[in-house]
Protein backbone atom coordinates (compact mmCIF):
# COMPACT_ATOMS: atom_id res chain seq x y z
CA MET A 1 -17.64 10.93 17.98
CA LEU A 2 -18.03 7.73 19.90
CA ARG A 3 -17.72 5.76 16.65
CA ARG A 4 -14.45 7.56 15.92
CA GLU A 5 -13.11 6.77 19.47
CA ALA A 6 -13.89 3.10 18.94
CA ALA A 7 -12.20 2.96 15.54
CA SER A 8 -9.14 4.70 17.04
CA TRP A 9 -8.93 1.83 20.11
CA LEU A 10 -9.69 -0.93 17.34
CA ALA A 11 -6.55 0.35 15.49
CA ARG A 12 -4.48 0.66 18.61
CA LEU A 13 -5.51 -2.75 19.48
CA GLN A 14 -4.54 -4.38 16.33
CA SER A 15 -1.06 -2.63 16.24
CA ASP A 16 -0.43 -3.67 19.65
CA ARG A 17 2.83 -1.60 20.00
CA ASP A 18 1.91 -0.19 23.79
CA PRO A 19 2.34 -2.94 26.29
CA ASP A 20 -0.41 -1.25 28.57
CA ILE A 21 -2.91 -0.75 25.46
CA GLU A 22 -5.29 -3.57 26.62
CA SER A 23 -5.52 -2.31 30.25
CA LYS A 24 -6.00 1.15 28.87
CA PHE A 25 -8.75 0.01 26.31
CA GLN A 26 -10.51 -1.98 29.33
CA ARG A 27 -10.72 1.16 31.41
CA TRP A 28 -12.01 3.31 28.49
CA ARG A 29 -14.54 0.49 27.60
CA ASP A 30 -15.84 -0.02 31.20
CA ALA A 31 -16.00 3.76 31.75
CA ASP A 32 -19.47 4.00 29.85
CA PRO A 33 -21.64 1.34 28.47
CA ARG A 34 -21.92 3.60 25.36
CA HIS A 35 -18.24 2.99 24.61
CA ALA A 36 -18.73 -0.62 24.83
CA ALA A 37 -21.40 -0.62 22.42
CA ALA A 38 -19.67 1.78 19.87
CA PHE A 39 -16.69 -0.57 19.87
CA ASP A 40 -18.68 -3.61 19.33
CA ARG A 41 -20.74 -1.96 16.44
CA VAL A 42 -17.34 -0.81 14.93
CA LYS A 43 -15.92 -4.33 15.08
CA GLN A 44 -19.22 -5.74 13.60
CA SER A 45 -18.81 -3.31 10.64
CA TYR A 46 -15.29 -4.81 9.82
CA GLY A 47 -16.50 -8.35 10.08
CA GLN A 48 -19.71 -7.69 7.80
CA ALA A 49 -17.58 -5.72 5.20
CA GLY A 50 -15.36 -9.08 4.76
CA LEU A 51 -12.15 -7.09 5.67
CA LEU A 52 -11.08 -8.99 8.37
CA ARG A 53 -13.14 -12.19 8.28
CA HIS A 54 -9.93 -14.49 8.92
CA SER A 55 -8.70 -12.25 11.81
CA PRO A 56 -9.46 -13.39 15.32
CA LEU A 57 -10.94 -9.85 15.59
CA ALA A 58 -13.89 -10.82 13.19
CA ARG A 59 -14.97 -13.71 14.98
CA SER A 60 -14.08 -13.38 18.60
CA SER A 61 -15.92 -11.32 21.24
CA GLN A 62 -12.95 -11.55 23.72
CA LEU A 63 -10.22 -9.11 23.74
CA ARG A 64 -7.39 -11.04 24.96
CA PRO A 65 -7.13 -13.74 21.80
CA ILE A 66 -7.20 -10.55 19.80
CA ILE A 67 -4.14 -9.26 21.55
CA ARG A 68 -2.35 -12.35 21.80
CA LYS A 69 -2.72 -13.97 18.55
CA GLN A 70 -3.02 -12.23 15.27
CA GLU A 71 -3.01 -13.79 11.76
CA TRP A 72 -2.19 -10.99 9.90
CA THR A 73 0.43 -8.17 10.19
CA PRO A 74 -0.96 -4.94 10.89
CA LEU A 75 -0.06 -1.83 8.78
CA HIS A 76 2.01 1.08 10.21
CA ALA A 77 -1.04 3.45 9.37
CA LEU A 78 -3.13 1.14 11.53
CA ALA A 79 -0.57 1.36 14.38
CA ALA A 80 -1.11 5.36 14.14
CA ALA A 81 -5.05 4.77 13.87
CA ALA A 82 -4.96 5.78 10.44
CA ALA A 83 -8.55 4.27 8.99
CA ILE A 84 -11.75 2.87 9.70
CA VAL A 85 -14.16 0.79 7.37
CA ILE A 86 -17.74 1.31 8.01
CA LEU A 87 -20.81 -0.41 6.55
CA VAL A 88 -23.51 1.76 4.95
CA PRO A 89 -26.49 1.07 2.96
CA ALA A 90 -24.79 2.12 -0.21
CA GLY A 91 -21.98 -0.59 0.36
CA VAL A 92 -18.37 -0.25 1.71
CA MET A 93 -16.74 2.93 2.01
CA LEU A 94 -13.50 4.21 3.83
CA PHE A 95 -13.93 6.86 6.76
CA ARG A 96 -11.76 9.96 5.86
CA GLY A 97 -11.05 13.67 6.55
CA SER A 98 -10.83 13.49 10.32
CA PRO A 99 -7.97 14.82 11.92
CA LEU A 100 -7.81 11.86 14.09
CA PHE A 101 -6.58 9.65 11.03
CA GLY A 102 -3.86 12.07 9.89
CA GLY A 103 -4.96 12.12 6.51
CA THR A 104 -3.66 8.57 5.68
CA GLU A 105 -5.97 5.65 5.22
CA ALA A 106 -5.20 2.13 5.53
CA VAL A 107 -7.22 -0.93 5.41
CA MET A 108 -6.78 -4.68 4.76
CA LEU A 109 -9.30 -6.34 2.20
CA MET A 110 -9.81 -10.03 2.22
CA THR A 111 -12.17 -12.34 0.27
CA ASN A 112 -13.00 -16.16 1.18
CA VAL A 113 -12.94 -18.93 -1.09
CA GLY A 114 -15.49 -18.30 -3.79
CA GLU A 115 -15.98 -14.58 -3.16
CA ILE A 116 -15.23 -11.86 -5.55
CA LYS A 117 -15.67 -8.26 -4.07
CA GLN A 118 -15.37 -4.66 -5.29
CA VAL A 119 -14.35 -2.03 -2.70
CA ASP A 120 -14.06 1.91 -3.48
CA LEU A 121 -10.81 3.74 -2.45
CA ALA A 122 -10.47 7.18 -0.85
CA ASP A 123 -8.83 8.35 -3.97
CA GLY A 124 -11.57 7.10 -6.22
CA SER A 125 -9.90 4.34 -7.42
CA LYS A 126 -11.58 0.66 -7.05
CA VAL A 127 -9.80 -2.79 -6.24
CA THR A 128 -11.61 -6.13 -7.08
CA LEU A 129 -10.63 -8.95 -5.11
CA ASP A 130 -10.66 -12.50 -6.66
CA THR A 131 -11.34 -15.54 -4.57
CA ALA A 132 -9.12 -16.26 -1.45
CA THR A 133 -7.42 -12.87 -2.01
CA LYS A 134 -5.60 -10.52 0.66
CA VAL A 135 -4.60 -6.95 -0.26
CA GLU A 136 -3.20 -4.25 2.21
CA VAL A 137 -3.93 -0.63 0.92
CA GLU A 138 -2.73 2.62 2.12
CA ILE A 139 -3.76 5.80 0.77
CA SER A 140 -2.50 9.45 1.37
CA ARG A 141 -1.83 12.86 -0.39
CA SER A 142 1.64 11.98 -1.22
CA ARG A 143 1.51 8.15 -1.41
CA ARG A 144 -0.84 5.28 -2.91
CA SER A 145 0.09 1.88 -2.32
CA ALA A 146 -1.33 -1.71 -2.24
CA ARG A 147 0.47 -4.91 -1.18
CA LEU A 148 -0.77 -8.09 -2.66
CA LYS A 149 -0.32 -10.66 -0.23
CA HIS A 150 -1.82 -13.64 -2.20
CA GLY A 151 -4.42 -14.45 -4.91
CA ARG A 152 -5.58 -11.75 -7.67
CA ALA A 153 -6.91 -8.25 -7.59
CA ARG A 154 -8.04 -5.65 -10.30
CA PHE A 155 -6.91 -2.13 -9.76
CA GLU A 156 -9.08 0.68 -11.63
CA ILE A 157 -6.81 3.42 -10.87
CA ALA A 158 -7.87 6.87 -10.45
CA GLN A 159 -5.52 9.66 -12.02
CA THR A 160 -4.28 11.76 -9.18
CA SER A 161 -0.49 13.58 -8.55
CA ALA A 162 0.79 10.43 -6.68
CA PRO A 163 1.48 7.24 -8.69
CA PHE A 164 -0.21 4.10 -7.49
CA VAL A 165 2.10 1.20 -6.57
CA VAL A 166 1.24 -2.43 -6.23
CA GLU A 167 3.60 -4.74 -4.70
CA THR A 168 3.68 -8.50 -4.48
CA ALA A 169 6.39 -10.50 -2.86
CA SER A 170 8.75 -10.14 -5.92
CA THR A 171 7.21 -7.74 -8.35
CA THR A 172 6.39 -3.84 -8.35
CA VAL A 173 4.02 -2.30 -10.48
CA THR A 174 3.60 1.40 -10.88
CA ALA A 175 0.76 3.14 -12.62
CA ARG A 176 -0.62 6.86 -12.77
CA GLN A 177 -4.48 5.69 -14.03
CA GLY A 178 -5.50 2.91 -15.81
CA VAL A 179 -6.98 -0.81 -15.08
CA ILE A 180 -4.45 -3.38 -14.10
CA ASP A 181 -4.61 -7.03 -13.07
CA VAL A 182 -2.12 -8.22 -10.61
CA GLU A 183 -1.83 -11.97 -9.64
CA GLN A 184 0.66 -13.66 -7.23
CA GLY A 185 1.26 -17.26 -8.07
CA ALA A 186 3.37 -19.83 -6.22
CA GLN A 187 6.06 -19.82 -9.21
CA GLN A 188 5.53 -16.63 -10.92
CA ASP A 189 3.54 -13.37 -11.05
CA ARG A 190 1.23 -12.10 -13.81
CA VAL A 191 0.50 -8.61 -14.52
CA GLN A 192 -2.01 -7.52 -17.53
CA VAL A 193 -2.74 -3.67 -18.63
CA LEU A 194 -6.57 -3.67 -19.59
CA ALA A 195 -6.30 0.38 -19.79
CA GLY A 196 -3.68 2.91 -19.26
CA ALA A 197 -0.05 1.86 -18.77
CA ALA A 198 2.13 0.48 -16.23
CA ASP A 199 5.74 -0.26 -15.26
CA VAL A 200 6.71 -3.56 -13.80
CA ARG A 201 9.76 -4.54 -12.09
CA GLY A 202 10.84 -7.85 -10.95
CA PRO A 203 14.02 -8.57 -8.67
CA ALA A 204 16.18 -8.71 -11.81
CA GLN A 205 15.03 -5.05 -13.02
CA ARG A 206 15.44 -3.18 -9.62
CA GLU A 207 18.51 -1.51 -10.99
CA THR A 208 17.58 -1.41 -14.83
CA SER A 209 14.73 -0.13 -16.82
CA PRO A 210 11.17 -1.62 -16.18
CA LEU A 211 9.03 -3.55 -18.53
CA THR A 212 6.46 -0.88 -19.62
CA LEU A 213 3.01 -2.31 -20.40
CA GLY A 214 0.43 -0.79 -22.88
CA VAL A 215 -3.04 -1.66 -23.31
CA GLY A 216 -3.42 -5.54 -24.02
CA GLU A 217 0.08 -6.50 -22.94
CA ARG A 218 1.04 -8.51 -20.00
CA ALA A 219 4.09 -9.43 -17.97
CA THR A 220 5.32 -12.43 -16.14
CA VAL A 221 7.89 -12.33 -13.47
CA ARG A 222 9.11 -15.84 -12.48
CA SER A 223 10.33 -16.72 -8.96
CA ASP A 224 13.97 -16.52 -10.18
CA GLY A 225 13.73 -12.79 -10.85
CA SER A 226 13.48 -13.00 -14.77
CA GLY A 227 10.82 -11.15 -16.53
CA GLU A 228 9.18 -10.90 -20.06
CA LYS A 229 6.49 -9.01 -21.63
CA SER A 230 3.79 -10.49 -24.31
CA VAL A 231 0.33 -9.87 -25.90
CA ALA A 232 -2.19 -11.05 -23.68
CA ALA A 233 -4.42 -13.65 -25.33
CA PRO A 234 -8.14 -12.77 -25.18
CA ALA A 235 -10.01 -14.09 -21.90
CA PRO A 236 -13.25 -13.62 -20.00
CA ASP A 237 -13.74 -11.03 -17.58
CA TRP A 238 -13.09 -12.85 -14.30
CA THR A 239 -14.62 -9.95 -11.91
CA ARG A 240 -18.03 -11.07 -13.50
CA GLY A 241 -17.70 -14.64 -11.57
CA MET A 242 -17.69 -16.73 -14.78
CA LEU A 243 -15.15 -19.21 -15.93
CA GLN A 244 -14.94 -19.67 -19.67
CA PHE A 245 -12.80 -22.49 -21.35
CA ASP A 246 -11.90 -22.62 -24.81
CA GLY A 247 -10.11 -25.90 -25.74
CA THR A 248 -8.67 -25.83 -22.43
CA PRO A 249 -6.95 -28.86 -20.81
CA LEU A 250 -9.06 -30.66 -18.33
CA ALA A 251 -6.65 -30.58 -15.41
CA GLU A 252 -5.98 -26.73 -15.92
CA ALA A 253 -9.83 -25.87 -16.31
CA VAL A 254 -10.41 -27.90 -13.01
CA ALA A 255 -7.51 -26.58 -11.03
CA LEU A 256 -9.14 -23.20 -11.94
CA ALA A 257 -12.39 -24.07 -10.83
CA ASN A 258 -11.11 -25.64 -7.37
CA ARG A 259 -9.91 -21.95 -6.56
CA TYR A 260 -13.48 -20.97 -5.98
CA SER A 261 -14.87 -23.85 -3.96
CA GLU A 262 -14.13 -25.64 -0.64
CA ARG A 263 -15.51 -28.54 -2.34
CA GLN A 264 -12.90 -29.85 -4.97
CA ILE A 265 -12.94 -31.64 -7.96
CA ILE A 266 -10.55 -34.61 -8.09
CA LEU A 267 -9.13 -36.34 -11.44
CA ALA A 268 -8.65 -39.89 -10.64
CA ASP A 269 -7.15 -40.97 -14.10
CA ASP A 270 -5.04 -39.83 -16.49
CA LEU A 271 -7.26 -37.37 -18.58
CA ASP A 272 -5.01 -34.73 -19.89
CA ARG A 273 -5.97 -35.25 -23.40
CA LEU A 274 -9.29 -33.95 -22.68
CA ARG A 275 -10.05 -30.33 -23.54
CA VAL A 276 -12.96 -28.50 -22.11
CA THR A 277 -14.94 -25.87 -23.90
CA GLY A 278 -17.90 -23.73 -22.26
CA ALA A 279 -18.72 -21.30 -19.58
CA PHE A 280 -19.51 -22.10 -16.02
CA ARG A 281 -20.33 -20.19 -13.00
CA ALA A 282 -17.43 -19.80 -10.60
CA GLY A 283 -18.21 -21.89 -7.27
CA ASP A 284 -20.55 -24.05 -9.03
CA THR A 285 -18.34 -27.06 -8.59
CA ALA A 286 -21.30 -29.61 -8.71
CA GLY A 287 -22.60 -28.20 -11.55
CA LEU A 288 -18.98 -28.09 -13.63
CA ALA A 289 -18.44 -31.80 -12.50
CA LYS A 290 -21.80 -33.05 -13.65
CA GLY A 291 -21.27 -31.15 -16.87
CA LEU A 292 -17.75 -32.67 -17.45
CA ALA A 293 -18.99 -36.15 -16.73
CA ALA A 294 -21.74 -35.89 -19.17
CA ALA A 295 -19.73 -34.45 -21.83
CA PHE A 296 -16.84 -37.09 -21.62
CA SER A 297 -18.91 -39.86 -20.61
CA LEU A 298 -16.94 -40.29 -17.06
CA SER A 299 -17.97 -41.53 -13.78
CA LEU A 300 -18.92 -39.19 -11.09
CA GLN A 301 -18.70 -40.05 -7.27
CA GLN A 302 -19.07 -38.16 -4.21
CA ARG A 303 -16.53 -38.99 -1.34
CA ALA A 304 -17.61 -38.62 2.18
CA ASP A 305 -15.80 -35.13 2.24
CA GLY A 306 -17.87 -33.89 -0.08
CA ASN A 307 -15.30 -33.66 -2.78
CA LEU A 308 -16.12 -34.86 -6.29
CA VAL A 309 -14.07 -37.54 -8.18
CA LEU A 310 -14.20 -37.95 -11.88
CA SER A 311 -12.59 -41.15 -13.42
CA ARG A 312 -13.20 -43.20 -16.55
CA LYS A 313 -15.99 -45.80 -16.61
CA VAL A 314 -15.10 -49.30 -16.03
CA SER A 315 -16.18 -51.19 -19.26
CA PRO A 316 -17.91 -54.54 -18.17
CA GLY A 317 -15.91 -57.52 -19.02
CA PRO A 318 -17.34 -60.24 -20.96
CA GLN A 319 -20.08 -62.48 -19.01
CA ASN A 320 -19.34 -66.01 -18.60
CA LYS A 321 -21.87 -68.31 -19.73
CA LYS A 322 -22.92 -71.82 -18.74
CA GLY A 323 -20.46 -74.21 -20.30
CA GLY A 324 -18.24 -71.38 -21.66
């Protein structure tokens, strides 16, 4: 019961809709040492689960900075104390079934650079987050929705009476079951169906028929609102944490690898003609850089900031001889 009360306070603090919420929370917390201990355990569960790792809540032990400065927008369901994430020995799960939460579960999922994480949802679905990804999920009996704020995620959608809707800034994906990859990019969004089917709408399709995708098909929705459907090219399963290249331009391969590491590979010269073939573990930037240097006879230098620079080796000039 204390954990549920603490979870309710946590959600209310994040919503920050009550001007007196901080003083009310302090009175509840100070009323019993067990209250403070329960709240700290709940807050720690969020941090350990990696769901609020970028939020001040996860890295601050002080209440006031949590209220005054938020790095993410709370869900409406959180304002109603709709959900709590707890850490259990079997992994991450959603706490549900309590009248306190009104039958609705909402949670924010985040991964750091280099992380790939899978989370089970209340309806039996699963979501896998790629590196540096942020997703807001809300599950209820009548509605299942996810908001992809940035990055890429795979949704393994369990079949229920309610459709599952995934939204980005400009794209809406609707499915009842199946496996769907959704990626939000700077210039365009990508949707690929691995199982089942999905309807995809961009801004240009709001009032028209959606793009209907089947297994092995993908849709690209550009920032100008236009969209097109195509057959998806064979690609490695990114959820396994491996990067696989087959004749990939070097700059493209390096850009993909850099998404999984704070330590970046920098191409100092024009190396566009080089093509990469092989498999590397995501996040092993140093291993990839060494492999590329050896394969293409490139020079590899490490800068003071830890980044790795690949460039063409300078051929030694002719040596002057005496009398020459």
